[in-house]
């Protein structure tokens, strides 16, 4: 059997013919002169006819090889994309980087501390509700500061800024909160504090909602995102002007905001492809659309440009 590199394509309808009635010498130096005699020699040597690729099959194989080479080639970020990432990271560091370590300032109940011994009975609910209300207000305020630190956001009309913030504040909070989620314990570790699914149920959240929420955080955390990817996802959530979103009423510059979201998605795509070393579950085939469409909401679901670029 000849090696793969010796196989050649033959048209299914018309095979190669020899102008010298098959009398050509097929040697190392002359093997390319007559495809017909070369093919016959390969067949005589034992090559199977079903191993001969048609022109269509060869073209398809070459296209797949080119696609694999393109996927393996690192993508370089443009200067504009690098500047965008620096701006987002700077705003994130100033306003949300240490946000979760500050939760301890908002009168947390004693049982939330990591090293606290478990209580035999449930802790009083009112202090926990008050603490949750305080930290949620604090997170939203930090998100507002983060967005106001972005020149592209400040350039929008004030009514658009308000509409986008109303729709995206909670989403951004959860995207950033994911950095504190521990896959081993399924808890949120915020400085010296630990938040469990039981804490959420204790203050009145439905268990079904909490299970979906914790599943979202677990799935997102398994992607092992880096800080630039988190802030780009947060920016994509912010710039979501899609007309079918009922939580973004009053947006006037939809086309401009849609273009901003597309820029964020393109930058995220380029950043992901530009990573030379990836964990096994961070391969280019990672199903971004599966979790983004179902868990981040319709704003970047399968029908939006953001989802298409991520895919």
C-alpha atoms as a PDB file:
ATOM      1  CA  UNK A   1       0.000   0.000   0.000  1.00  0.00           C
ATOM      2  CA  UNK A   2       1.367   3.394  -0.963  1.00  0.00           C
ATOM      3  CA  UNK A   3       1.391   6.228   1.582  1.00  0.00           C
ATOM      4  CA  UNK A   4      -1.390   8.832   1.609  1.00  0.00           C
ATOM      5  CA  UNK A   5       0.730  11.394  -0.170  1.00  0.00           C
ATOM      6  CA  UNK A   6       0.831   9.110  -3.216  1.00  0.00           C
ATOM      7  CA  UNK A   7      -2.946   9.214  -3.690  1.00  0.00           C
ATOM      8  CA  UNK A   8      -4.257  11.386  -6.502  1.00  0.00           C
ATOM      9  CA  UNK A   9      -7.623  12.597  -7.603  1.00  0.00           C
ATOM     10  CA  UNK A  10      -9.469  11.156 -10.549  1.00  0.00           C
ATOM     11  CA  UNK A  11     -12.652  12.498 -12.101  1.00  0.00           C
ATOM     12  CA  UNK A  12     -15.529  10.102 -11.533  1.00  0.00           C
ATOM     13  CA  UNK A  13     -16.662  10.358 -15.139  1.00  0.00           C
ATOM     14  CA  UNK A  14     -13.398  10.570 -17.035  1.00  0.00           C
ATOM     15  CA  UNK A  15     -10.154   9.027 -15.797  1.00  0.00           C
ATOM     16  CA  UNK A  16      -6.636  10.055 -16.854  1.00  0.00           C
ATOM     17  CA  UNK A  17      -5.422   8.678 -20.169  1.00  0.00           C
ATOM     18  CA  UNK A  18      -1.900   8.036 -21.432  1.00  0.00           C
ATOM     19  CA  UNK A  19      -1.017   9.396 -24.905  1.00  0.00           C
ATOM     20  CA  UNK A  20       1.632   6.650 -25.235  1.00  0.00           C
ATOM     21  CA  UNK A  21      -0.644   3.661 -24.609  1.00  0.00           C
ATOM     22  CA  UNK A  22       0.554   3.157 -21.040  1.00  0.00           C
ATOM     23  CA  UNK A  23       4.236   2.772 -21.874  1.00  0.00           C
ATOM     24  CA  UNK A  24       5.571   5.673 -19.801  1.00  0.00           C
ATOM     25  CA  UNK A  25       8.362   5.062 -17.321  1.00  0.00           C
ATOM     26  CA  UNK A  26       7.285   5.895 -13.785  1.00  0.00           C
ATOM     27  CA  UNK A  27      10.384   6.701 -11.773  1.00  0.00           C
ATOM     28  CA  UNK A  28      11.203   9.066  -8.964  1.00  0.00           C
ATOM     29  CA  UNK A  29      12.184  11.784 -11.410  1.00  0.00           C
ATOM     30  CA  UNK A  30       9.526  11.079 -14.061  1.00  0.00           C
ATOM     31  CA  UNK A  31       6.493  10.256 -11.887  1.00  0.00           C
ATOM     32  CA  UNK A  32       4.695  13.551 -12.537  1.00  0.00           C
ATOM     33  CA  UNK A  33       4.861  13.342 -16.341  1.00  0.00           C
ATOM     34  CA  UNK A  34       1.959  10.909 -16.840  1.00  0.00           C
ATOM     35  CA  UNK A  35      -0.856  10.747 -14.255  1.00  0.00           C
ATOM     36  CA  UNK A  36      -2.432   7.741 -16.001  1.00  0.00           C
ATOM     37  CA  UNK A  37       0.659   5.533 -15.807  1.00  0.00           C
ATOM     38  CA  UNK A  38       1.363   6.681 -12.276  1.00  0.00           C
ATOM     39  CA  UNK A  39      -2.173   5.769 -11.207  1.00  0.00           C
ATOM     40  CA  UNK A  40      -1.891   2.370 -12.859  1.00  0.00           C
ATOM     41  CA  UNK A  41       1.388   1.666 -11.095  1.00  0.00           C
ATOM     42  CA  UNK A  42      -0.203   2.567  -7.756  1.00  0.00           C
ATOM     43  CA  UNK A  43      -3.098   0.201  -8.475  1.00  0.00           C
ATOM     44  CA  UNK A  44      -0.695  -2.564  -9.482  1.00  0.00           C
ATOM     45  CA  UNK A  45       1.152  -2.028  -6.209  1.00  0.00           C
ATOM     46  CA  UNK A  46      -2.057  -2.686  -4.279  1.00  0.00           C
ATOM     47  CA  UNK A  47      -3.737   0.682  -3.811  1.00  0.00           C
ATOM     48  CA  UNK A  48      -7.510   0.318  -3.421  1.00  0.00           C
ATOM     49  CA  UNK A  49      -9.691   2.138  -5.931  1.00  0.00           C
ATOM     50  CA  UNK A  50     -12.012   3.368  -3.187  1.00  0.00           C
ATOM     51  CA  UNK A  51      -9.085   5.329  -1.759  1.00  0.00           C
ATOM     52  CA  UNK A  52      -8.922   7.548  -4.846  1.00  0.00           C
ATOM     53  CA  UNK A  53     -10.382  10.954  -4.036  1.00  0.00           C
ATOM     54  CA  UNK A  54     -12.614  12.746  -6.473  1.00  0.00           C
ATOM     55  CA  UNK A  55     -11.879  16.369  -7.278  1.00  0.00           C
ATOM     56  CA  UNK A  56     -14.830  17.421  -5.089  1.00  0.00           C
ATOM     57  CA  UNK A  57     -13.626  15.338  -2.144  1.00  0.00           C
ATOM     58  CA  UNK A  58     -10.095  16.694  -2.463  1.00  0.00           C
ATOM     59  CA  UNK A  59     -11.365  20.273  -2.586  1.00  0.00           C
ATOM     60  CA  UNK A  60     -13.434  19.643   0.544  1.00  0.00           C
ATOM     61  CA  UNK A  61     -10.449  18.131   2.356  1.00  0.00           C
ATOM     62  CA  UNK A  62      -8.235  21.066   1.441  1.00  0.00           C
ATOM     63  CA  UNK A  63     -10.912  23.504   2.621  1.00  0.00           C
ATOM     64  CA  UNK A  64     -11.122  21.735   5.987  1.00  0.00           C
ATOM     65  CA  UNK A  65      -7.337  21.747   6.305  1.00  0.00           C
ATOM     66  CA  UNK A  66      -7.254  25.469   5.564  1.00  0.00           C
ATOM     67  CA  UNK A  67      -9.971  26.059   8.151  1.00  0.00           C
ATOM     68  CA  UNK A  68      -8.027  24.121  10.791  1.00  0.00           C
ATOM     69  CA  UNK A  69      -4.869  26.092  10.014  1.00  0.00           C
ATOM     70  CA  UNK A  70      -6.815  29.345  10.308  1.00  0.00           C
ATOM     71  CA  UNK A  71      -8.222  28.296  13.689  1.00  0.00           C
ATOM     72  CA  UNK A  72      -4.772  27.356  14.949  1.00  0.00           C
ATOM     73  CA  UNK A  73      -3.253  30.658  13.862  1.00  0.00           C
ATOM     74  CA  UNK A  74      -3.387  33.191  16.728  1.00  0.00           C
ATOM     75  CA  UNK A  75      -5.435  36.291  15.956  1.00  0.00           C
ATOM     76  CA  UNK A  76      -3.774  39.612  16.703  1.00  0.00           C
ATOM     77  CA  UNK A  77      -5.876  42.278  18.380  1.00  0.00           C
ATOM     78  CA  UNK A  78      -6.012  45.606  16.603  1.00  0.00           C
ATOM     79  CA  UNK A  79      -4.781  48.726  18.389  1.00  0.00           C
ATOM     80  CA  UNK A  80      -8.386  49.858  18.809  1.00  0.00           C
ATOM     81  CA  UNK A  81      -9.344  46.529  20.389  1.00  0.00           C
ATOM     82  CA  UNK A  82      -6.359  46.636  22.733  1.00  0.00           C
ATOM     83  CA  UNK A  83      -7.309  50.158  23.794  1.00  0.00           C
ATOM     84  CA  UNK A  84     -10.914  49.054  24.358  1.00  0.00           C
ATOM     85  CA  UNK A  85      -9.790  46.212  26.624  1.00  0.00           C
ATOM     86  CA  UNK A  86      -7.487  48.549  28.573  1.00  0.00           C
ATOM     87  CA  UNK A  87     -10.348  51.007  29.081  1.00  0.00           C
ATOM     88  CA  UNK A  88     -12.725  48.291  30.278  1.00  0.00           C
ATOM     89  CA  UNK A  89     -10.134  46.737  32.576  1.00  0.00           C
ATOM     90  CA  UNK A  90      -9.238  50.117  34.044  1.00  0.00           C
ATOM     91  CA  UNK A  91     -12.861  50.946  34.834  1.00  0.00           C
ATOM     92  CA  UNK A  92     -13.402  47.458  36.229  1.00  0.00           C
ATOM     93  CA  UNK A  93     -10.368  47.702  38.503  1.00  0.00           C
ATOM     94  CA  UNK A  94     -11.377  51.103  39.854  1.00  0.00           C
ATOM     95  CA  UNK A  95     -15.003  50.301  40.593  1.00  0.00           C
ATOM     96  CA  UNK A  96     -15.642  46.545  40.669  1.00  0.00           C
ATOM     97  CA  UNK A  97     -12.281  44.885  41.238  1.00  0.00           C
ATOM     98  CA  UNK A  98     -12.506  44.903  45.056  1.00  0.00           C
ATOM     99  CA  UNK A  99     -16.280  45.206  45.280  1.00  0.00           C
ATOM    100  CA  UNK A 100     -16.935  41.805  46.815  1.00  0.00           C
ATOM    101  CA  UNK A 101     -14.297  42.139  49.530  1.00  0.00           C
ATOM    102  CA  UNK A 102     -16.249  45.173  50.764  1.00  0.00           C
ATOM    103  CA  UNK A 103     -19.408  43.171  51.493  1.00  0.00           C
ATOM    104  CA  UNK A 104     -18.117  42.671  55.012  1.00  0.00           C
ATOM    105  CA  UNK A 105     -18.827  46.367  55.691  1.00  0.00           C
ATOM    106  CA  UNK A 106     -22.592  45.847  55.392  1.00  0.00           C
ATOM    107  CA  UNK A 107     -23.423  44.207  58.727  1.00  0.00           C
ATOM    108  CA  UNK A 108     -23.239  40.550  57.642  1.00  0.00           C
ATOM    109  CA  UNK A 109     -24.833  38.002  60.007  1.00  0.00           C
ATOM    110  CA  UNK A 110     -22.273  35.946  61.876  1.00  0.00           C
ATOM    111  CA  UNK A 111     -23.104  32.681  60.092  1.00  0.00           C
ATOM    112  CA  UNK A 112     -21.915  34.139  56.743  1.00  0.00           C
ATOM    113  CA  UNK A 113     -18.293  34.210  57.877  1.00  0.00           C
ATOM    114  CA  UNK A 114     -16.343  31.304  56.403  1.00  0.00           C
ATOM    115  CA  UNK A 115     -14.826  30.164  59.693  1.00  0.00           C
ATOM    116  CA  UNK A 116     -18.060  30.449  61.678  1.00  0.00           C
ATOM    117  CA  UNK A 117     -19.423  27.243  63.162  1.00  0.00           C
ATOM    118  CA  UNK A 118     -22.753  26.135  61.616  1.00  0.00           C
ATOM    119  CA  UNK A 119     -25.794  27.043  63.664  1.00  0.00           C
ATOM    120  CA  UNK A 120     -28.103  24.254  64.928  1.00  0.00           C
ATOM    121  CA  UNK A 121     -31.091  26.411  63.966  1.00  0.00           C
ATOM    122  CA  UNK A 122     -31.761  28.945  61.228  1.00  0.00           C
ATOM    123  CA  UNK A 123     -30.403  32.420  61.829  1.00  0.00           C
ATOM    124  CA  UNK A 124     -32.878  35.319  62.117  1.00  0.00           C
ATOM    125  CA  UNK A 125     -34.040  36.266  58.634  1.00  0.00           C
ATOM    126  CA  UNK A 126     -34.272  40.065  59.025  1.00  0.00           C
ATOM    127  CA  UNK A 127     -30.502  40.729  59.389  1.00  0.00           C
ATOM    128  CA  UNK A 128     -29.834  38.554  56.326  1.00  0.00           C
ATOM    129  CA  UNK A 129     -32.500  40.338  54.253  1.00  0.00           C
ATOM    130  CA  UNK A 130     -31.059  43.709  55.279  1.00  0.00           C
ATOM    131  CA  UNK A 131     -27.548  42.574  54.364  1.00  0.00           C
ATOM    132  CA  UNK A 132     -28.678  41.294  50.958  1.00  0.00           C
ATOM    133  CA  UNK A 133     -30.487  44.556  50.245  1.00  0.00           C
ATOM    134  CA  UNK A 134     -27.415  46.592  51.188  1.00  0.00           C
ATOM    135  CA  UNK A 135     -24.941  44.620  49.080  1.00  0.00           C
ATOM    136  CA  UNK A 136     -27.269  44.602  46.066  1.00  0.00           C
ATOM    137  CA  UNK A 137     -27.621  48.373  46.261  1.00  0.00           C
ATOM    138  CA  UNK A 138     -23.850  48.668  46.608  1.00  0.00           C
ATOM    139  CA  UNK A 139     -23.219  46.459  43.559  1.00  0.00           C
ATOM    140  CA  UNK A 140     -25.625  48.438  41.375  1.00  0.00           C
ATOM    141  CA  UNK A 141     -23.950  51.703  42.411  1.00  0.00           C
ATOM    142  CA  UNK A 142     -20.532  50.265  41.503  1.00  0.00           C
ATOM    143  CA  UNK A 143     -21.871  49.118  38.126  1.00  0.00           C
ATOM    144  CA  UNK A 144     -23.134  52.654  37.471  1.00  0.00           C
ATOM    145  CA  UNK A 145     -19.687  54.044  38.312  1.00  0.00           C
ATOM    146  CA  UNK A 146     -18.131  51.454  35.992  1.00  0.00           C
ATOM    147  CA  UNK A 147     -20.327  52.464  33.061  1.00  0.00           C
ATOM    148  CA  UNK A 148     -19.827  56.185  33.679  1.00  0.00           C
ATOM    149  CA  UNK A 149     -16.080  55.567  33.385  1.00  0.00           C
ATOM    150  CA  UNK A 150     -16.487  54.362  29.779  1.00  0.00           C
ATOM    151  CA  UNK A 151     -16.175  57.172  27.189  1.00  0.00           C
ATOM    152  CA  UNK A 152     -18.303  55.281  24.639  1.00  0.00           C
ATOM    153  CA  UNK A 153     -21.113  54.998  27.178  1.00  0.00           C
ATOM    154  CA  UNK A 154     -20.913  58.632  28.265  1.00  0.00           C
ATOM    155  CA  UNK A 155     -21.149  59.706  24.612  1.00  0.00           C
ATOM    156  CA  UNK A 156     -24.698  58.319  24.373  1.00  0.00           C
ATOM    157  CA  UNK A 157     -27.753  60.473  25.114  1.00  0.00           C
ATOM    158  CA  UNK A 158     -28.633  60.480  28.814  1.00  0.00           C
ATOM    159  CA  UNK A 159     -31.990  58.781  28.177  1.00  0.00           C
ATOM    160  CA  UNK A 160     -30.186  55.914  26.426  1.00  0.00           C
ATOM    161  CA  UNK A 161     -27.708  55.621  29.292  1.00  0.00           C
ATOM    162  CA  UNK A 162     -30.567  55.310  31.768  1.00  0.00           C
ATOM    163  CA  UNK A 163     -32.426  52.722  29.654  1.00  0.00           C
ATOM    164  CA  UNK A 164     -29.344  50.574  29.129  1.00  0.00           C
ATOM    165  CA  UNK A 165     -28.399  50.727  32.806  1.00  0.00           C
ATOM    166  CA  UNK A 166     -31.890  49.770  33.925  1.00  0.00           C
ATOM    167  CA  UNK A 167     -31.815  46.725  31.685  1.00  0.00           C
ATOM    168  CA  UNK A 168     -28.228  45.586  32.222  1.00  0.00           C
ATOM    169  CA  UNK A 169     -27.276  46.451  35.818  1.00  0.00           C
ATOM    170  CA  UNK A 170     -28.377  43.142  37.344  1.00  0.00           C
ATOM    171  CA  UNK A 171     -26.924  41.161  34.422  1.00  0.00           C
ATOM    172  CA  UNK A 172     -23.546  42.860  34.822  1.00  0.00           C
ATOM    173  CA  UNK A 173     -23.648  42.207  38.565  1.00  0.00           C
ATOM    174  CA  UNK A 174     -24.057  38.479  37.960  1.00  0.00           C
ATOM    175  CA  UNK A 175     -21.385  38.346  35.261  1.00  0.00           C
ATOM    176  CA  UNK A 176     -18.864  39.957  37.606  1.00  0.00           C
ATOM    177  CA  UNK A 177     -20.129  38.029  40.648  1.00  0.00           C
ATOM    178  CA  UNK A 178     -19.248  34.822  38.812  1.00  0.00           C
ATOM    179  CA  UNK A 179     -15.568  35.442  39.580  1.00  0.00           C
ATOM    180  CA  UNK A 180     -16.315  34.604  43.236  1.00  0.00           C
ATOM    181  CA  UNK A 181     -18.161  31.340  42.548  1.00  0.00           C
ATOM    182  CA  UNK A 182     -16.397  28.226  43.853  1.00  0.00           C
ATOM    183  CA  UNK A 183     -17.033  25.118  41.766  1.00  0.00           C
ATOM    184  CA  UNK A 184     -15.935  22.781  44.564  1.00  0.00           C
ATOM    185  CA  UNK A 185     -18.327  24.101  47.227  1.00  0.00           C
ATOM    186  CA  UNK A 186     -20.960  25.699  44.935  1.00  0.00           C
ATOM    187  CA  UNK A 187     -20.762  28.810  47.125  1.00  0.00           C
ATOM    188  CA  UNK A 188     -19.890  32.454  46.527  1.00  0.00           C
ATOM    189  CA  UNK A 189     -16.716  33.405  48.405  1.00  0.00           C
ATOM    190  CA  UNK A 190     -16.574  37.174  48.886  1.00  0.00           C
ATOM    191  CA  UNK A 191     -13.629  38.065  51.076  1.00  0.00           C
ATOM    192  CA  UNK A 192     -14.254  36.486  54.506  1.00  0.00           C
ATOM    193  CA  UNK A 193     -17.904  35.793  53.663  1.00  0.00           C
ATOM    194  CA  UNK A 194     -19.572  32.746  52.152  1.00  0.00           C
ATOM    195  CA  UNK A 195     -23.001  32.755  50.508  1.00  0.00           C
ATOM    196  CA  UNK A 196     -24.868  29.489  49.928  1.00  0.00           C
ATOM    197  CA  UNK A 197     -28.031  28.490  48.120  1.00  0.00           C
ATOM    198  CA  UNK A 198     -29.604  27.959  51.550  1.00  0.00           C
ATOM    199  CA  UNK A 199     -29.067  31.646  52.345  1.00  0.00           C
ATOM    200  CA  UNK A 200     -31.072  32.606  49.279  1.00  0.00           C
ATOM    201  CA  UNK A 201     -33.880  30.222  50.165  1.00  0.00           C
ATOM    202  CA  UNK A 202     -33.897  31.514  53.748  1.00  0.00           C
ATOM    203  CA  UNK A 203     -34.694  35.077  52.643  1.00  0.00           C
ATOM    204  CA  UNK A 204     -37.540  33.930  50.397  1.00  0.00           C
ATOM    205  CA  UNK A 205     -36.174  33.145  46.924  1.00  0.00           C
ATOM    206  CA  UNK A 206     -37.782  30.160  45.214  1.00  0.00           C
ATOM    207  CA  UNK A 207     -35.600  27.070  45.168  1.00  0.00           C
ATOM    208  CA  UNK A 208     -36.231  26.533  41.437  1.00  0.00           C
ATOM    209  CA  UNK A 209     -34.958  30.036  40.665  1.00  0.00           C
ATOM    210  CA  UNK A 210     -31.902  29.556  42.876  1.00  0.00           C
ATOM    211  CA  UNK A 211     -31.051  26.224  41.246  1.00  0.00           C
ATOM    212  CA  UNK A 212     -31.160  27.831  37.792  1.00  0.00           C
ATOM    213  CA  UNK A 213     -29.062  30.747  39.021  1.00  0.00           C
ATOM    214  CA  UNK A 214     -26.410  28.524  40.588  1.00  0.00           C
ATOM    215  CA  UNK A 215     -26.394  26.328  37.469  1.00  0.00           C
ATOM    216  CA  UNK A 216     -25.716  29.420  35.381  1.00  0.00           C
ATOM    217  CA  UNK A 217     -22.790  30.424  37.577  1.00  0.00           C
ATOM    218  CA  UNK A 218     -21.391  26.900  37.579  1.00  0.00           C
ATOM    219  CA  UNK A 219     -21.573  26.642  33.789  1.00  0.00           C
ATOM    220  CA  UNK A 220     -20.011  30.057  33.275  1.00  0.00           C
ATOM    221  CA  UNK A 221     -17.274  29.384  35.825  1.00  0.00           C
ATOM    222  CA  UNK A 222     -16.293  26.137  34.087  1.00  0.00           C
ATOM    223  CA  UNK A 223     -15.294  28.168  31.024  1.00  0.00           C
ATOM    224  CA  UNK A 224     -12.343  29.509  33.054  1.00  0.00           C
ATOM    225  CA  UNK A 225     -12.751  33.016  31.692  1.00  0.00           C
ATOM    226  CA  UNK A 226     -10.036  35.586  32.121  1.00  0.00           C
ATOM    227  CA  UNK A 227     -10.651  39.099  33.391  1.00  0.00           C
ATOM    228  CA  UNK A 228     -10.741  40.678  29.883  1.00  0.00           C
ATOM    229  CA  UNK A 229     -13.396  38.155  28.848  1.00  0.00           C
ATOM    230  CA  UNK A 230     -15.543  38.973  31.866  1.00  0.00           C
ATOM    231  CA  UNK A 231     -15.428  42.719  31.234  1.00  0.00           C
ATOM    232  CA  UNK A 232     -16.162  42.253  27.531  1.00  0.00           C
ATOM    233  CA  UNK A 233     -19.179  40.105  28.381  1.00  0.00           C
ATOM    234  CA  UNK A 234     -20.315  42.804  30.796  1.00  0.00           C
ATOM    235  CA  UNK A 235     -19.921  45.404  28.043  1.00  0.00           C
ATOM    236  CA  UNK A 236     -21.948  43.236  25.651  1.00  0.00           C
ATOM    237  CA  UNK A 237     -24.701  43.030  28.253  1.00  0.00           C
ATOM    238  CA  UNK A 238     -24.610  46.803  28.651  1.00  0.00           C
ATOM    239  CA  UNK A 239     -24.841  47.653  24.941  1.00  0.00           C
ATOM    240  CA  UNK A 240     -27.972  45.638  24.133  1.00  0.00           C
ATOM    241  CA  UNK A 241     -30.448  47.772  22.179  1.00  0.00           C
ATOM    242  CA  UNK A 242     -32.434  44.941  20.564  1.00  0.00           C
ATOM    243  CA  UNK A 243     -36.029  46.109  19.956  1.00  0.00           C
ATOM    244  CA  UNK A 244     -37.538  42.889  21.338  1.00  0.00           C
ATOM    245  CA  UNK A 245     -36.086  43.542  24.810  1.00  0.00           C
ATOM    246  CA  UNK A 246     -38.857  44.943  27.003  1.00  0.00           C
ATOM    247  CA  UNK A 247     -36.380  45.998  29.706  1.00  0.00           C
ATOM    248  CA  UNK A 248     -34.682  48.550  27.387  1.00  0.00           C
ATOM    249  CA  UNK A 249     -37.550  50.972  26.655  1.00  0.00           C
ATOM    250  CA  UNK A 250     -36.761  54.464  25.475  1.00  0.00           C
ATOM    251  CA  UNK A 251     -33.530  53.675  23.607  1.00  0.00           C
ATOM    252  CA  UNK A 252     -33.148  56.179  20.751  1.00  0.00           C
ATOM    253  CA  UNK A 253     -29.727  55.396  19.234  1.00  0.00           C
ATOM    254  CA  UNK A 254     -30.374  51.708  18.533  1.00  0.00           C
ATOM    255  CA  UNK A 255     -28.127  51.438  15.478  1.00  0.00           C
ATOM    256  CA  UNK A 256     -25.200  53.112  17.223  1.00  0.00           C
ATOM    257  CA  UNK A 257     -25.601  50.972  20.338  1.00  0.00           C
ATOM    258  CA  UNK A 258     -25.934  47.842  18.213  1.00  0.00           C
ATOM    259  CA  UNK A 259     -22.648  48.749  16.523  1.00  0.00           C
ATOM    260  CA  UNK A 260     -21.003  49.163  19.932  1.00  0.00           C
ATOM    261  CA  UNK A 261     -22.173  45.718  20.998  1.00  0.00           C
ATOM    262  CA  UNK A 262     -20.839  44.268  17.756  1.00  0.00           C
ATOM    263  CA  UNK A 263     -17.445  45.849  18.448  1.00  0.00           C
ATOM    264  CA  UNK A 264     -17.433  44.296  21.919  1.00  0.00           C
ATOM    265  CA  UNK A 265     -18.335  40.889  20.486  1.00  0.00           C
ATOM    266  CA  UNK A 266     -15.656  41.121  17.783  1.00  0.00           C
ATOM    267  CA  UNK A 267     -13.064  42.084  20.368  1.00  0.00           C
ATOM    268  CA  UNK A 268     -14.083  39.173  22.570  1.00  0.00           C
ATOM    269  CA  UNK A 269     -13.890  36.803  19.607  1.00  0.00           C
ATOM    270  CA  UNK A 270     -10.428  38.070  18.662  1.00  0.00           C
ATOM    271  CA  UNK A 271      -9.221  37.845  22.249  1.00  0.00           C
ATOM    272  CA  UNK A 272     -10.383  34.237  22.586  1.00  0.00           C
ATOM    273  CA  UNK A 273      -8.777  33.209  19.297  1.00  0.00           C
ATOM    274  CA  UNK A 274      -5.603  35.053  20.222  1.00  0.00           C
ATOM    275  CA  UNK A 275      -4.955  32.905  23.267  1.00  0.00           C
ATOM    276  CA  UNK A 276      -2.078  30.588  22.394  1.00  0.00           C
ATOM    277  CA  UNK A 277      -2.491  28.200  25.330  1.00  0.00           C
ATOM    278  CA  UNK A 278      -5.980  27.023  26.205  1.00  0.00           C
ATOM    279  CA  UNK A 279      -7.250  24.495  28.702  1.00  0.00           C
ATOM    280  CA  UNK A 280      -8.978  21.572  27.057  1.00  0.00           C
ATOM    281  CA  UNK A 281     -12.473  22.939  27.767  1.00  0.00           C
ATOM    282  CA  UNK A 282     -11.518  26.359  26.379  1.00  0.00           C
ATOM    283  CA  UNK A 283     -11.032  25.136  22.821  1.00  0.00           C
ATOM    284  CA  UNK A 284     -12.482  27.165  19.922  1.00  0.00           C
ATOM    285  CA  UNK A 285     -15.350  24.692  19.882  1.00  0.00           C
ATOM    286  CA  UNK A 286     -16.546  25.659  23.361  1.00  0.00           C
ATOM    287  CA  UNK A 287     -20.336  26.057  23.099  1.00  0.00           C
ATOM    288  CA  UNK A 288     -20.583  29.768  23.924  1.00  0.00           C
ATOM    289  CA  UNK A 289     -23.983  30.069  22.296  1.00  0.00           C
ATOM    290  CA  UNK A 290     -25.413  27.244  24.386  1.00  0.00           C
ATOM    291  CA  UNK A 291     -24.992  29.107  27.651  1.00  0.00           C
ATOM    292  CA  UNK A 292     -25.205  32.673  26.356  1.00  0.00           C
ATOM    293  CA  UNK A 293     -28.552  32.137  24.687  1.00  0.00           C
ATOM    294  CA  UNK A 294     -30.116  30.312  27.617  1.00  0.00           C
ATOM    295  CA  UNK A 295     -28.483  32.007  30.588  1.00  0.00           C
ATOM    296  CA  UNK A 296     -27.500  35.533  29.681  1.00  0.00           C
ATOM    297  CA  UNK A 297     -30.909  36.183  28.202  1.00  0.00           C
ATOM    298  CA  UNK A 298     -32.243  37.047  24.730  1.00  0.00           C
ATOM    299  CA  UNK A 299     -29.960  40.047  24.335  1.00  0.00           C
ATOM    300  CA  UNK A 300     -27.160  37.795  23.048  1.00  0.00           C
ATOM    301  CA  UNK A 301     -29.259  34.782  22.173  1.00  0.00           C
ATOM    302  CA  UNK A 302     -29.049  32.919  18.846  1.00  0.00           C
ATOM    303  CA  UNK A 303     -30.947  35.635  16.980  1.00  0.00           C
ATOM    304  CA  UNK A 304     -28.619  38.537  17.719  1.00  0.00           C
ATOM    305  CA  UNK A 305     -25.411  39.720  16.093  1.00  0.00           C
ATOM    306  CA  UNK A 306     -23.581  39.271  19.369  1.00  0.00           C
ATOM    307  CA  UNK A 307     -24.402  35.579  19.409  1.00  0.00           C
ATOM    308  CA  UNK A 308     -23.383  35.197  15.768  1.00  0.00           C
ATOM    309  CA  UNK A 309     -20.002  36.798  16.416  1.00  0.00           C
ATOM    310  CA  UNK A 310     -19.436  34.711  19.532  1.00  0.00           C
ATOM    311  CA  UNK A 311     -20.263  31.588  17.564  1.00  0.00           C
END
